[in-house]
Amino acid sequence: MKLITVDQFRQRYFDQESQPQRRTVRSWIDAGEVPGKIVGKLYYVDEDAWLAGTHDALVERVLQSA
């Protein structure tokens, strides 16, 4: 499991003009739509799980429409 910050996730996987808000990514993690972990009050995305394709179909549709 490789954890990256929400900001790193936004920068790596979205074009600058289509980056979701931080709170949107956090809500995706809360809902289980993006694999991640909350440490204290900080949110992290599990990059390995994301790249393995274990993320939610909703997020996949959002990425395809961008």
N, C-alpha and C. Protein backbone atom coordinates (compact mmCIF):
# COMPACT_ATOMS: atom_id res chain seq x y z
N MET A 1 0.84 -1.17 0.00
CA MET A 1 0.00 0.00 0.00
C MET A 1 0.90 1.24 0.00
N LYS A 2 0.75 2.04 -1.04
CA LYS A 2 1.48 3.30 -1.12
C LYS A 2 0.47 4.43 -0.96
N LEU A 3 0.58 5.17 0.13
CA LEU A 3 -0.34 6.26 0.39
C LEU A 3 0.21 7.56 -0.15
N ILE A 4 -0.65 8.30 -0.85
CA ILE A 4 -0.28 9.63 -1.33
C ILE A 4 -1.33 10.62 -0.82
N THR A 5 -0.95 11.87 -0.73
CA THR A 5 -1.89 12.88 -0.24
C THR A 5 -2.98 13.14 -1.28
N VAL A 6 -4.05 13.73 -0.83
CA VAL A 6 -5.14 14.09 -1.74
C VAL A 6 -4.63 15.03 -2.82
N ASP A 7 -3.79 15.98 -2.45
CA ASP A 7 -3.24 16.91 -3.45
C ASP A 7 -2.37 16.20 -4.48
N GLN A 8 -1.56 15.25 -4.04
CA GLN A 8 -0.75 14.49 -4.99
C GLN A 8 -1.64 13.69 -5.94
N PHE A 9 -2.69 13.10 -5.41
CA PHE A 9 -3.65 12.35 -6.23
C PHE A 9 -4.28 13.26 -7.28
N ARG A 10 -4.72 14.42 -6.88
CA ARG A 10 -5.36 15.36 -7.80
C ARG A 10 -4.39 15.78 -8.91
N GLN A 11 -3.14 16.03 -8.55
CA GLN A 11 -2.16 16.48 -9.54
C GLN A 11 -1.74 15.37 -10.49
N ARG A 12 -1.64 14.13 -10.01
CA ARG A 12 -1.18 13.03 -10.85
C ARG A 12 -2.24 12.50 -11.79
N TYR A 13 -3.49 12.51 -11.37
CA TYR A 13 -4.53 11.81 -12.11
C TYR A 13 -5.60 12.70 -12.75
N PHE A 14 -5.45 14.00 -12.62
CA PHE A 14 -6.40 14.93 -13.23
C PHE A 14 -5.64 16.08 -13.86
N ASP A 15 -6.12 16.53 -15.02
CA ASP A 15 -5.57 17.75 -15.60
C ASP A 15 -5.89 18.91 -14.67
N GLN A 16 -5.07 19.94 -14.74
CA GLN A 16 -5.25 21.07 -13.83
C GLN A 16 -6.65 21.66 -13.92
N GLU A 17 -7.19 21.75 -15.14
CA GLU A 17 -8.51 22.36 -15.28
C GLU A 17 -9.66 21.45 -14.86
N SER A 18 -9.39 20.17 -14.68
CA SER A 18 -10.47 19.25 -14.30
C SER A 18 -10.28 18.63 -12.91
N GLN A 19 -9.36 19.17 -12.13
CA GLN A 19 -9.11 18.62 -10.80
C GLN A 19 -10.32 18.82 -9.90
N PRO A 20 -10.76 17.74 -9.25
CA PRO A 20 -11.86 17.90 -8.28
C PRO A 20 -11.36 18.66 -7.05
N GLN A 21 -12.29 19.21 -6.32
CA GLN A 21 -11.95 19.89 -5.08
C GLN A 21 -11.42 18.86 -4.08
N ARG A 22 -10.61 19.32 -3.14
CA ARG A 22 -10.09 18.42 -2.09
C ARG A 22 -11.24 17.73 -1.35
N ARG A 23 -12.25 18.50 -1.02
CA ARG A 23 -13.37 17.92 -0.26
C ARG A 23 -14.10 16.85 -1.07
N THR A 24 -14.10 16.97 -2.40
CA THR A 24 -14.72 15.94 -3.24
C THR A 24 -13.95 14.64 -3.14
N VAL A 25 -12.62 14.72 -3.22
CA VAL A 25 -11.80 13.51 -3.10
C VAL A 25 -11.97 12.90 -1.72
N ARG A 26 -12.02 13.74 -0.70
CA ARG A 26 -12.23 13.22 0.66
C ARG A 26 -13.58 12.51 0.77
N SER A 27 -14.61 13.06 0.15
CA SER A 27 -15.92 12.40 0.21
C SER A 27 -15.90 11.09 -0.59
N TRP A 28 -15.14 11.03 -1.69
CA TRP A 28 -14.99 9.77 -2.44
C TRP A 28 -14.34 8.71 -1.55
N ILE A 29 -13.32 9.13 -0.78
CA ILE A 29 -12.66 8.18 0.14
C ILE A 29 -13.65 7.73 1.21
N ASP A 30 -14.39 8.67 1.81
CA ASP A 30 -15.39 8.33 2.83
C ASP A 30 -16.42 7.34 2.30
N ALA A 31 -16.82 7.51 1.03
CA ALA A 31 -17.85 6.66 0.43
C ALA A 31 -17.28 5.35 -0.12
N GLY A 32 -15.95 5.22 -0.11
CA GLY A 32 -15.33 4.01 -0.62
C GLY A 32 -15.19 3.99 -2.13
N GLU A 33 -15.42 5.13 -2.77
CA GLU A 33 -15.32 5.22 -4.23
C GLU A 33 -13.88 5.35 -4.69
N VAL A 34 -13.02 5.82 -3.82
CA VAL A 34 -11.58 5.89 -4.06
C VAL A 34 -10.92 5.19 -2.87
N PRO A 35 -10.00 4.25 -3.13
CA PRO A 35 -9.36 3.56 -2.02
C PRO A 35 -8.47 4.53 -1.24
N GLY A 36 -8.62 4.55 0.04
CA GLY A 36 -7.82 5.47 0.83
C GLY A 36 -7.89 5.16 2.30
N LYS A 37 -7.25 6.04 3.04
CA LYS A 37 -7.14 5.86 4.48
C LYS A 37 -7.13 7.24 5.13
N ILE A 38 -7.71 7.31 6.30
CA ILE A 38 -7.70 8.55 7.08
C ILE A 38 -6.77 8.32 8.26
N VAL A 39 -5.77 9.17 8.39
CA VAL A 39 -4.82 9.10 9.49
C VAL A 39 -4.97 10.40 10.28
N GLY A 40 -5.55 10.27 11.46
CA GLY A 40 -5.86 11.48 12.22
C GLY A 40 -6.95 12.23 11.47
N LYS A 41 -6.63 13.43 11.04
CA LYS A 41 -7.57 14.22 10.24
C LYS A 41 -7.12 14.33 8.79
N LEU A 42 -6.06 13.63 8.43
CA LEU A 42 -5.52 13.70 7.08
C LEU A 42 -5.99 12.53 6.23
N TYR A 43 -6.33 12.83 5.00
CA TYR A 43 -6.80 11.82 4.05
C TYR A 43 -5.68 11.47 3.09
N TYR A 44 -5.58 10.17 2.80
CA TYR A 44 -4.59 9.67 1.85
C TYR A 44 -5.27 8.72 0.88
N VAL A 45 -4.80 8.71 -0.36
CA VAL A 45 -5.28 7.77 -1.37
C VAL A 45 -4.30 6.62 -1.44
N ASP A 46 -4.82 5.40 -1.50
CA ASP A 46 -4.00 4.21 -1.68
C ASP A 46 -3.71 4.09 -3.17
N GLU A 47 -2.56 4.58 -3.58
CA GLU A 47 -2.22 4.64 -5.00
C GLU A 47 -2.10 3.25 -5.62
N ASP A 48 -1.56 2.29 -4.89
CA ASP A 48 -1.43 0.94 -5.42
C ASP A 48 -2.80 0.35 -5.76
N ALA A 49 -3.76 0.50 -4.85
CA ALA A 49 -5.11 -0.01 -5.10
C ALA A 49 -5.77 0.74 -6.25
N TRP A 50 -5.54 2.04 -6.31
CA TRP A 50 -6.10 2.85 -7.41
C TRP A 50 -5.57 2.34 -8.75
N LEU A 51 -4.28 2.13 -8.84
CA LEU A 51 -3.67 1.69 -10.09
C LEU A 51 -4.04 0.25 -10.44
N ALA A 52 -4.35 -0.55 -9.43
CA ALA A 52 -4.73 -1.94 -9.66
C ALA A 52 -6.16 -2.05 -10.18
N GLY A 53 -6.86 -0.94 -10.20
CA GLY A 53 -8.21 -0.94 -10.75
C GLY A 53 -9.27 -1.36 -9.77
N THR A 54 -8.99 -1.25 -8.48
CA THR A 54 -9.98 -1.64 -7.49
C THR A 54 -10.86 -0.46 -7.10
N HIS A 55 -10.76 0.65 -7.82
CA HIS A 55 -11.58 1.81 -7.49
C HIS A 55 -12.99 1.65 -8.06
N ASP A 56 -13.85 2.50 -7.66
CA ASP A 56 -15.27 2.41 -7.96
C ASP A 56 -15.59 2.77 -9.41
N ALA A 57 -16.63 2.19 -9.94
CA ALA A 57 -17.06 2.43 -11.31
C ALA A 57 -17.48 3.89 -11.52
N LEU A 58 -18.05 4.51 -10.49
CA LEU A 58 -18.44 5.92 -10.60
C LEU A 58 -17.24 6.79 -10.90
N VAL A 59 -16.16 6.58 -10.20
CA VAL A 59 -14.96 7.37 -10.41
C VAL A 59 -14.42 7.09 -11.82
N GLU A 60 -14.47 5.86 -12.26
CA GLU A 60 -14.02 5.52 -13.61
C GLU A 60 -14.82 6.30 -14.66
N ARG A 61 -16.12 6.41 -14.47
CA ARG A 61 -16.95 7.17 -15.41
C ARG A 61 -16.59 8.66 -15.38
N VAL A 62 -16.31 9.18 -14.19
CA VAL A 62 -15.93 10.59 -14.07
C VAL A 62 -14.63 10.83 -14.82
N LEU A 63 -13.65 9.94 -14.65
CA LEU A 63 -12.38 10.10 -15.33
C LEU A 63 -12.53 10.00 -16.84
N GLN A 64 -13.37 9.12 -17.32
CA GLN A 64 -13.57 8.96 -18.76
C GLN A 64 -14.25 10.16 -19.38
N SER A 65 -15.08 10.84 -18.64
CA SER A 65 -15.80 12.00 -19.18
C SER A 65 -14.98 13.27 -19.13
N ALA A 66 -13.85 13.25 -18.43
CA ALA A 66 -13.03 14.46 -18.29
C ALA A 66 -12.29 14.78 -19.57
